[in-house]
Amino acid sequence: MSVRRLAAENLQPATFAFSKDNLPWVETQIAKYPVGRQASAVIPLLWQAQKQNAYWLPRVAIEHVADLLNMPYMRVLEVATFYTMFNLEPVGKYFIQLCGTTPCRLRGAGDIVKVCETRIGAQNQITADGNFSWLEVECLGACCNAPMVQINDDYYEDLTPENFNMLLDNLAEGNPVKTGPQNGRKSSEPENDVKTLSDGNLFDGSAIGAWKKNFEERRQKSEGAKAAIVAAANIAGAAAAKQTQATSPSAQVSRAPVATPTATNQVKPVEADKPSSLNGDAGKK
């Protein structure tokens, strides 16, 4: 990770304060956090300060944010120097961050770098009219639309030397430009033969809520089918239980007629043997 330092003293402005337009926004951000936790607003406040100051953070802006949040200057400086989203030196009106990682390189980022070097110059160099500066950065997360750049807050994707030069021309002349893919495709859809999302109703907003209704109908149908299966299983189980009960030996015994005692078939009780004499004379007559 590179060491990040503040701009030279001769580039630092003397003062900084949030504008009347930005101050209500700043107060709203701070109010989101409980008393004593206002430091949590440090990143959004630094970001707004950078946007107000031509997309770079001078020392006085960092200190102003620290004063608003009642934080030590060093704590806010640590945040500003850690995150590369904060520019610590002046940049052009249109600050180009060019993705130079593997997917973009494989898709032609080297040609976009050549355009930047030809039209703008070396990295971090601002053009004489103040319009452009550029910097190669790590992955910006738009690999499927490589190669791409971020200019200020917007992404410009599917670049070629031709459409990138045209983009820079339009920005320099103040003409409106289209963000996103520059080759005509929509978002990240397949570049040539589109076989997915061909039904516009899926993504044009006209079917909002339809998916919920569809899922509910499918859920009810599924629950009905499950209930029918359970009911059928219960019926089959009951029938099987009856069949088992009808064919079991115990059931047959329980249904056999029980004989009623009569005078002829009554069994006389057996008398217990009399105890023998203790002196052994039980056998005497």
Protein backbone atom coordinates (compact mmCIF):
# COMPACT_ATOMS: atom_id res chain seq x y z
CA MET A 1 0.00 0.00 0.00
CA SER A 2 1.41 3.37 -0.98
CA VAL A 3 2.08 6.14 1.52
CA ARG A 4 -0.46 8.92 1.14
CA ARG A 5 0.41 12.46 2.15
CA LEU A 6 -1.32 15.81 1.99
CA ALA A 7 -0.64 18.16 -0.90
CA ALA A 8 2.25 20.60 -0.71
CA GLU A 9 1.72 23.69 1.42
CA ASN A 10 1.68 26.00 -1.60
CA LEU A 11 -1.42 24.16 -2.85
CA GLN A 12 -3.29 24.31 0.44
CA PRO A 13 -6.12 26.88 0.73
CA ALA A 14 -6.21 29.16 3.77
CA THR A 15 -9.76 28.39 4.89
CA PHE A 16 -12.63 25.99 4.38
CA ALA A 17 -16.24 25.89 5.55
CA PHE A 18 -19.29 24.05 4.28
CA SER A 19 -21.44 26.16 1.98
CA LYS A 20 -24.98 27.26 2.85
CA ASP A 21 -26.28 24.57 0.51
CA ASN A 22 -24.22 21.81 2.10
CA LEU A 23 -24.54 22.81 5.76
CA PRO A 24 -28.14 21.51 6.22
CA TRP A 25 -27.06 18.20 4.67
CA VAL A 26 -24.10 18.03 7.06
CA GLU A 27 -26.32 18.71 10.07
CA THR A 28 -28.71 15.96 8.95
CA GLN A 29 -25.86 13.44 8.75
CA ILE A 30 -24.59 14.30 12.21
CA ALA A 31 -28.11 14.08 13.67
CA LYS A 32 -28.34 10.42 12.56
CA TYR A 33 -26.03 9.42 15.41
CA PRO A 34 -26.60 9.64 19.19
CA VAL A 35 -24.79 12.17 21.34
CA GLY A 36 -21.19 11.14 21.79
CA ARG A 37 -21.20 9.04 18.59
CA GLN A 38 -21.06 11.81 16.02
CA ALA A 39 -17.64 10.61 14.90
CA SER A 40 -19.49 7.96 12.89
CA ALA A 41 -20.33 10.70 10.37
CA VAL A 42 -16.69 11.35 9.52
CA ILE A 43 -16.62 9.56 6.15
CA PRO A 44 -19.76 11.16 4.65
CA LEU A 45 -18.63 14.59 5.85
CA LEU A 46 -15.18 14.17 4.34
CA TRP A 47 -16.77 13.02 1.09
CA GLN A 48 -19.04 16.07 0.96
CA ALA A 49 -16.12 18.35 1.74
CA GLN A 50 -14.16 16.81 -1.13
CA LYS A 51 -17.06 17.29 -3.56
CA GLN A 52 -17.39 20.92 -2.51
CA ASN A 53 -13.67 21.51 -2.96
CA ALA A 54 -13.27 20.40 -6.58
CA TYR A 55 -12.91 16.72 -5.64
CA TRP A 56 -9.90 16.94 -3.36
CA LEU A 57 -9.38 17.30 0.40
CA PRO A 58 -7.13 20.09 1.70
CA ARG A 59 -5.83 20.18 5.25
CA VAL A 60 -8.27 22.88 6.37
CA ALA A 61 -11.24 20.80 5.20
CA ILE A 62 -10.03 17.83 7.24
CA GLU A 63 -9.60 20.03 10.31
CA HIS A 64 -13.01 21.64 9.77
CA VAL A 65 -14.68 18.21 9.76
CA ALA A 66 -12.76 17.31 12.93
CA ASP A 67 -14.03 20.46 14.66
CA LEU A 68 -17.63 19.74 13.67
CA LEU A 69 -17.42 16.20 15.06
CA ASN A 70 -15.32 17.10 18.12
CA MET A 71 -12.56 14.74 17.02
CA PRO A 72 -8.77 15.12 17.25
CA TYR A 73 -7.27 16.29 13.96
CA MET A 74 -5.07 13.19 13.81
CA ARG A 75 -8.05 10.82 13.95
CA VAL A 76 -9.69 12.47 10.94
CA LEU A 77 -6.36 12.67 9.11
CA GLU A 78 -5.98 8.91 9.62
CA VAL A 79 -9.31 8.31 7.87
CA ALA A 80 -8.55 10.70 5.01
CA THR A 81 -5.14 9.18 4.30
CA PHE A 82 -6.30 5.56 4.60
CA TYR A 83 -9.16 5.53 2.08
CA THR A 84 -8.13 6.08 -1.53
CA MET A 85 -11.57 7.50 -2.28
CA PHE A 86 -10.26 10.73 -0.77
CA ASN A 87 -8.00 12.71 -3.07
CA LEU A 88 -5.31 14.55 -1.12
CA GLU A 89 -4.04 16.57 -4.09
CA PRO A 90 -5.82 18.72 -6.68
CA VAL A 91 -7.39 16.82 -9.58
CA GLY A 92 -8.92 17.85 -12.87
CA LYS A 93 -12.53 18.90 -13.24
CA TYR A 94 -13.07 15.41 -14.64
CA PHE A 95 -11.00 13.03 -12.55
CA ILE A 96 -10.53 9.74 -14.40
CA GLN A 97 -9.86 6.62 -12.35
CA LEU A 98 -8.85 3.88 -14.76
CA CYS A 99 -9.18 0.25 -13.68
CA GLY A 100 -5.90 -1.53 -14.43
CA THR A 101 -6.48 -4.96 -12.91
CA THR A 102 -6.50 -8.26 -14.79
CA PRO A 103 -10.01 -8.41 -16.36
CA CYS A 104 -9.75 -4.87 -17.73
CA ARG A 105 -6.20 -5.46 -18.94
CA LEU A 106 -7.31 -8.57 -20.80
CA ARG A 107 -10.12 -6.58 -22.41
CA GLY A 108 -8.01 -3.68 -23.62
CA ALA A 109 -7.31 -1.35 -20.70
CA GLY A 110 -3.82 -0.84 -22.07
CA ASP A 111 -5.29 1.00 -25.06
CA ILE A 112 -7.29 3.26 -22.72
CA VAL A 113 -4.11 4.01 -20.79
CA LYS A 114 -2.46 5.13 -24.05
CA VAL A 115 -5.35 7.52 -24.73
CA CYS A 116 -4.94 9.04 -21.26
CA GLU A 117 -1.20 9.41 -21.68
CA THR A 118 -1.63 11.00 -25.11
CA ARG A 119 -4.43 13.41 -24.27
CA ILE A 120 -3.75 14.16 -20.60
CA GLY A 121 -0.18 13.21 -19.77
CA ALA A 122 1.29 11.30 -16.86
CA GLN A 123 -0.78 10.12 -13.93
CA ASN A 124 -1.83 12.87 -11.45
CA GLN A 125 -0.97 15.53 -14.05
CA ILE A 126 -3.74 18.07 -14.70
CA THR A 127 -4.26 19.37 -18.22
CA ALA A 128 -3.56 23.04 -18.88
CA ASP A 129 -7.28 23.86 -19.10
CA GLY A 130 -7.89 22.13 -15.75
CA ASN A 131 -10.38 19.70 -17.26
CA PHE A 132 -8.70 16.33 -16.88
CA SER A 133 -6.40 14.27 -14.72
CA TRP A 134 -6.19 10.52 -14.39
CA LEU A 135 -4.97 7.73 -12.14
CA GLU A 136 -4.74 3.96 -12.51
CA VAL A 137 -6.59 2.26 -9.64
CA GLU A 138 -7.45 -1.20 -8.41
CA CYS A 139 -10.60 -3.11 -9.38
CA LEU A 140 -13.75 -0.99 -9.55
CA GLY A 141 -16.06 -3.99 -9.65
CA ALA A 142 -17.37 -3.74 -13.22
CA CYS A 143 -15.36 -6.61 -14.69
CA CYS A 144 -18.15 -7.81 -16.99
CA ASN A 145 -18.08 -4.42 -18.69
CA ALA A 146 -14.30 -4.18 -19.01
CA PRO A 147 -12.46 -2.04 -19.79
CA MET A 148 -13.93 0.82 -17.82
CA VAL A 149 -13.18 4.03 -15.97
CA GLN A 150 -14.80 6.04 -13.21
CA ILE A 151 -15.05 9.76 -13.88
CA ASN A 152 -15.98 11.65 -10.72
CA ASP A 153 -19.05 9.74 -9.47
CA ASP A 154 -19.99 7.84 -12.65
CA TYR A 155 -18.90 4.68 -14.44
CA TYR A 156 -18.17 4.54 -18.18
CA GLU A 157 -17.84 0.99 -19.46
CA ASP A 158 -17.18 -1.14 -22.55
CA LEU A 159 -14.56 1.34 -23.69
CA THR A 160 -12.55 1.39 -26.87
CA PRO A 161 -10.00 4.02 -27.90
CA GLU A 162 -12.61 5.42 -30.30
CA ASN A 163 -15.57 5.80 -27.94
CA PHE A 164 -13.31 6.90 -25.06
CA ASN A 165 -11.84 9.71 -27.16
CA MET A 166 -15.38 10.73 -28.10
CA LEU A 167 -16.37 10.70 -24.44
CA LEU A 168 -13.48 12.99 -23.52
CA ASP A 169 -14.36 15.33 -26.39
CA ASN A 170 -17.95 15.65 -25.18
CA LEU A 171 -16.89 16.27 -21.60
CA ALA A 172 -14.41 18.94 -22.66
CA GLU A 173 -17.07 20.68 -24.76
CA GLY A 174 -19.69 20.49 -22.01
CA ASN A 175 -21.97 18.20 -23.99
CA PRO A 176 -24.25 15.70 -22.24
CA VAL A 177 -22.77 12.22 -22.01
CA LYS A 178 -24.20 8.78 -21.40
CA THR A 179 -22.98 6.91 -18.36
CA GLY A 180 -22.59 3.14 -18.24
CA PRO A 181 -21.81 1.02 -21.32
CA GLN A 182 -20.54 2.98 -24.31
CA ASN A 183 -21.15 0.27 -26.92
CA GLY A 184 -24.94 0.29 -26.90
CA ARG A 185 -25.65 -2.70 -24.72
CA LYS A 186 -27.88 -2.44 -21.68
CA SER A 187 -26.21 -2.80 -18.30
CA SER A 188 -24.34 -6.13 -18.17
CA GLU A 189 -26.46 -8.13 -20.58
CA PRO A 190 -24.67 -10.44 -23.06
CA GLU A 191 -22.84 -8.33 -25.61
CA ASN A 192 -23.98 -10.14 -28.75
CA ASP A 193 -26.70 -12.81 -28.89
CA VAL A 194 -29.07 -12.00 -26.03
CA LYS A 195 -30.84 -15.08 -24.73
CA THR A 196 -31.79 -13.87 -21.25
CA LEU A 197 -34.18 -11.19 -20.00
CA SER A 198 -35.69 -10.93 -23.46
CA ASP A 199 -39.14 -10.25 -21.98
CA GLY A 200 -39.26 -6.57 -21.09
CA ASN A 201 -41.98 -7.19 -18.53
CA LEU A 202 -39.37 -8.80 -16.32
CA PHE A 203 -37.44 -5.61 -15.69
CA ASP A 204 -39.46 -2.59 -16.89
CA GLY A 205 -41.45 -2.32 -13.66
CA SER A 206 -44.79 -3.37 -15.15
CA ALA A 207 -44.78 -6.68 -13.31
CA ILE A 208 -44.09 -5.31 -9.84
CA GLY A 209 -46.01 -7.48 -7.40
CA ALA A 210 -46.72 -10.19 -9.96
CA TRP A 211 -43.87 -12.32 -8.66
CA LYS A 212 -45.39 -12.24 -5.18
CA LYS A 213 -48.77 -13.36 -6.47
CA ASN A 214 -47.10 -16.13 -8.48
CA PHE A 215 -45.14 -17.35 -5.48
CA GLU A 216 -48.29 -17.31 -3.33
CA GLU A 217 -50.23 -19.35 -5.88
CA ARG A 218 -47.38 -21.85 -6.14
CA ARG A 219 -47.13 -22.06 -2.35
CA GLN A 220 -50.87 -22.74 -2.00
CA LYS A 221 -50.73 -25.38 -4.73
CA SER A 222 -47.75 -27.03 -3.07
CA GLU A 223 -49.43 -27.02 0.34
CA GLY A 224 -52.61 -28.50 -1.18
CA ALA A 225 -50.62 -31.30 -2.79
CA LYS A 226 -48.85 -32.02 0.50
CA ALA A 227 -52.17 -32.11 2.37
CA ALA A 228 -53.61 -34.57 -0.19
CA ILE A 229 -50.58 -36.83 0.21
CA VAL A 230 -50.90 -36.76 4.00
CA ALA A 231 -54.63 -37.52 3.83
CA ALA A 232 -54.06 -40.44 1.45
CA ALA A 233 -51.32 -41.78 3.71
CA ASN A 234 -53.63 -41.56 6.74
CA ILE A 235 -56.41 -43.45 4.93
CA ALA A 236 -54.01 -46.15 3.77
CA GLY A 237 -52.56 -46.42 7.26
CA ALA A 238 -56.01 -46.81 8.83
CA ALA A 239 -56.99 -49.51 6.30
CA ALA A 240 -53.74 -51.38 6.92
CA ALA A 241 -54.31 -51.24 10.66
CA LYS A 242 -57.79 -52.72 10.30
CA GLN A 243 -56.48 -55.51 8.05
CA THR A 244 -53.72 -56.32 10.50
CA GLN A 245 -56.17 -56.42 13.38
CA ALA A 246 -58.52 -58.72 11.47
CA THR A 247 -55.83 -61.28 10.64
CA SER A 248 -53.89 -61.37 13.91
CA PRO A 249 -54.07 -64.56 16.16
CA SER A 250 -55.02 -62.54 19.18
CA ALA A 251 -58.03 -61.20 17.32
CA GLN A 252 -59.10 -64.77 16.40
CA VAL A 253 -58.75 -65.94 19.99
CA SER A 254 -60.71 -63.02 21.26
CA ARG A 255 -63.55 -63.94 18.89
CA ALA A 256 -63.60 -67.71 19.90
CA PRO A 257 -66.63 -68.78 22.05
CA VAL A 258 -65.89 -69.05 25.72
CA ALA A 259 -67.01 -72.33 27.37
CA THR A 260 -69.55 -71.98 30.17
CA PRO A 261 -68.88 -74.17 33.21
CA THR A 262 -71.49 -76.99 33.73
CA ALA A 263 -72.08 -79.62 36.33
CA THR A 264 -70.31 -82.25 34.25
CA ASN A 265 -67.27 -80.32 33.32
CA GLN A 266 -66.59 -78.58 36.54
CA VAL A 267 -63.20 -79.43 37.96
CA LYS A 268 -63.07 -80.25 41.60
CA PRO A 269 -60.48 -78.42 43.62
CA VAL A 270 -57.50 -80.49 44.58
CA GLU A 271 -57.02 -80.85 48.30
CA ALA A 272 -53.62 -80.10 49.62
CA ASP A 273 -51.64 -82.94 51.16
CA LYS A 274 -51.90 -83.14 54.88
CA PRO A 275 -48.67 -82.35 56.67
CA SER A 276 -46.67 -85.39 57.89
CA SER A 277 -46.24 -86.01 61.56
CA LEU A 278 -43.18 -84.50 63.01
CA ASN A 279 -42.32 -87.70 64.82
CA GLY A 280 -42.45 -89.86 61.72
CA ASP A 281 -45.57 -91.88 62.64
CA ALA A 282 -47.71 -90.60 59.74
CA GLY A 283 -47.51 -94.06 58.14
CA LYS A 284 -48.89 -95.92 61.14
CA LYS A 285 -52.39 -97.35 61.01
